[in-house]
Amino acid sequence: MVYVTLRLEGLQAKIIENAIKMGLGKTKTEIVRLGLLGLNREYNIVATSTSLAVSKMAQIDAEIGAG
């Protein structure tokens, strides 16, 4: 487990405030966690079972396409 204290100002603070108003999360912590998950989804920083399954399906599709 990792503990982090963040000081957010300007655009970053506004993003978190608006995300809470939009109902994406109830707390600032939830919004930051969602942001981290979004980063991982975008850049595959840590492989997840979902990303591994998608990679395997792509490999199978390529093999089927190659005959």
C-alpha atoms as a PDB file:
ATOM      1  CA  MET A   1       0.000   0.000   0.000  1.00  0.00           C
ATOM      2  CA  VAL A   2       1.189   3.521  -0.766  1.00  0.00           C
ATOM      3  CA  TYR A   3       0.130   6.701   1.025  1.00  0.00           C
ATOM      4  CA  VAL A   4       0.319   9.986  -0.881  1.00  0.00           C
ATOM      5  CA  THR A   5      -0.415  13.577   0.041  1.00  0.00           C
ATOM      6  CA  LEU A   6      -1.115  15.786  -2.971  1.00  0.00           C
ATOM      7  CA  ARG A   7      -1.373  19.526  -3.331  1.00  0.00           C
ATOM      8  CA  LEU A   8      -3.411  20.315  -6.418  1.00  0.00           C
ATOM      9  CA  GLU A   9      -3.957  23.791  -7.776  1.00  0.00           C
ATOM     10  CA  GLY A  10      -5.422  25.394 -10.853  1.00  0.00           C
ATOM     11  CA  LEU A  11      -6.568  23.080 -13.609  1.00  0.00           C
ATOM     12  CA  GLN A  12      -5.840  19.904 -11.660  1.00  0.00           C
ATOM     13  CA  ALA A  13      -7.953  21.056  -8.719  1.00  0.00           C
ATOM     14  CA  LYS A  14     -10.751  22.151 -11.053  1.00  0.00           C
ATOM     15  CA  ILE A  15     -10.760  18.763 -12.776  1.00  0.00           C
ATOM     16  CA  ILE A  16     -11.200  16.984  -9.453  1.00  0.00           C
ATOM     17  CA  GLU A  17     -13.910  19.385  -8.290  1.00  0.00           C
ATOM     18  CA  ASN A  18     -15.839  19.035 -11.551  1.00  0.00           C
ATOM     19  CA  ALA A  19     -15.474  15.243 -11.568  1.00  0.00           C
ATOM     20  CA  ILE A  20     -17.073  15.132  -8.109  1.00  0.00           C
ATOM     21  CA  LYS A  21     -19.880  17.468  -9.244  1.00  0.00           C
ATOM     22  CA  MET A  22     -20.463  15.215 -12.258  1.00  0.00           C
ATOM     23  CA  GLY A  23     -20.850  12.265  -9.895  1.00  0.00           C
ATOM     24  CA  LEU A  24     -17.817  10.351 -11.157  1.00  0.00           C
ATOM     25  CA  GLY A  25     -16.748   9.817  -7.564  1.00  0.00           C
ATOM     26  CA  LYS A  26     -17.758  10.932  -4.089  1.00  0.00           C
ATOM     27  CA  THR A  27     -14.326  11.973  -2.843  1.00  0.00           C
ATOM     28  CA  LYS A  28     -11.115  13.471  -4.169  1.00  0.00           C
ATOM     29  CA  THR A  29      -9.407  10.180  -3.376  1.00  0.00           C
ATOM     30  CA  GLU A  30     -11.859   8.242  -5.547  1.00  0.00           C
ATOM     31  CA  ILE A  31     -11.274  10.629  -8.439  1.00  0.00           C
ATOM     32  CA  VAL A  32      -7.493  10.261  -8.172  1.00  0.00           C
ATOM     33  CA  ARG A  33      -7.869   6.461  -8.112  1.00  0.00           C
ATOM     34  CA  LEU A  34     -10.065   6.604 -11.215  1.00  0.00           C
ATOM     35  CA  GLY A  35      -7.453   8.774 -12.894  1.00  0.00           C
ATOM     36  CA  LEU A  36      -4.747   6.228 -12.135  1.00  0.00           C
ATOM     37  CA  LEU A  37      -6.883   3.443 -13.566  1.00  0.00           C
ATOM     38  CA  GLY A  38      -7.459   5.564 -16.669  1.00  0.00           C
ATOM     39  CA  LEU A  39      -3.701   6.063 -17.071  1.00  0.00           C
ATOM     40  CA  ASN A  40      -3.177   2.335 -16.822  1.00  0.00           C
ATOM     41  CA  ARG A  41      -5.918   1.635 -19.352  1.00  0.00           C
ATOM     42  CA  GLU A  42      -4.366   4.160 -21.774  1.00  0.00           C
ATOM     43  CA  TYR A  43      -0.696   3.201 -21.366  1.00  0.00           C
ATOM     44  CA  ASN A  44      -0.841  -0.374 -20.014  1.00  0.00           C
ATOM     45  CA  ILE A  45       1.568   0.505 -17.208  1.00  0.00           C
ATOM     46  CA  VAL A  46       0.673  -2.663 -15.276  1.00  0.00           C
ATOM     47  CA  ALA A  47      -0.762  -5.644 -17.118  1.00  0.00           C
ATOM     48  CA  THR A  48      -4.225  -6.621 -15.902  1.00  0.00           C
ATOM     49  CA  SER A  49      -6.216  -9.758 -16.593  1.00  0.00           C
ATOM     50  CA  THR A  50      -8.358  -7.726 -19.010  1.00  0.00           C
ATOM     51  CA  SER A  51      -5.379  -6.381 -20.956  1.00  0.00           C
ATOM     52  CA  LEU A  52      -3.841  -9.855 -21.058  1.00  0.00           C
ATOM     53  CA  ALA A  53      -7.093 -11.318 -22.400  1.00  0.00           C
ATOM     54  CA  VAL A  54      -7.335  -8.627 -25.096  1.00  0.00           C
ATOM     55  CA  SER A  55      -3.718  -9.292 -26.121  1.00  0.00           C
ATOM     56  CA  LYS A  56      -4.375 -13.024 -26.320  1.00  0.00           C
ATOM     57  CA  MET A  57      -7.514 -12.479 -28.438  1.00  0.00           C
ATOM     58  CA  ALA A  58      -5.555 -10.235 -30.817  1.00  0.00           C
ATOM     59  CA  GLN A  59      -2.872 -12.910 -31.117  1.00  0.00           C
ATOM     60  CA  ILE A  60      -5.486 -15.568 -31.907  1.00  0.00           C
ATOM     61  CA  ASP A  61      -7.151 -13.299 -34.485  1.00  0.00           C
ATOM     62  CA  ALA A  62      -3.768 -12.732 -36.166  1.00  0.00           C
ATOM     63  CA  GLU A  63      -3.077 -16.460 -36.259  1.00  0.00           C
ATOM     64  CA  ILE A  64      -6.500 -17.172 -37.753  1.00  0.00           C
ATOM     65  CA  GLY A  65      -5.977 -14.433 -40.329  1.00  0.00           C
ATOM     66  CA  ALA A  66      -2.591 -15.877 -41.274  1.00  0.00           C
ATOM     67  CA  GLY A  67      -4.189 -19.254 -41.878  1.00  0.00           C
END
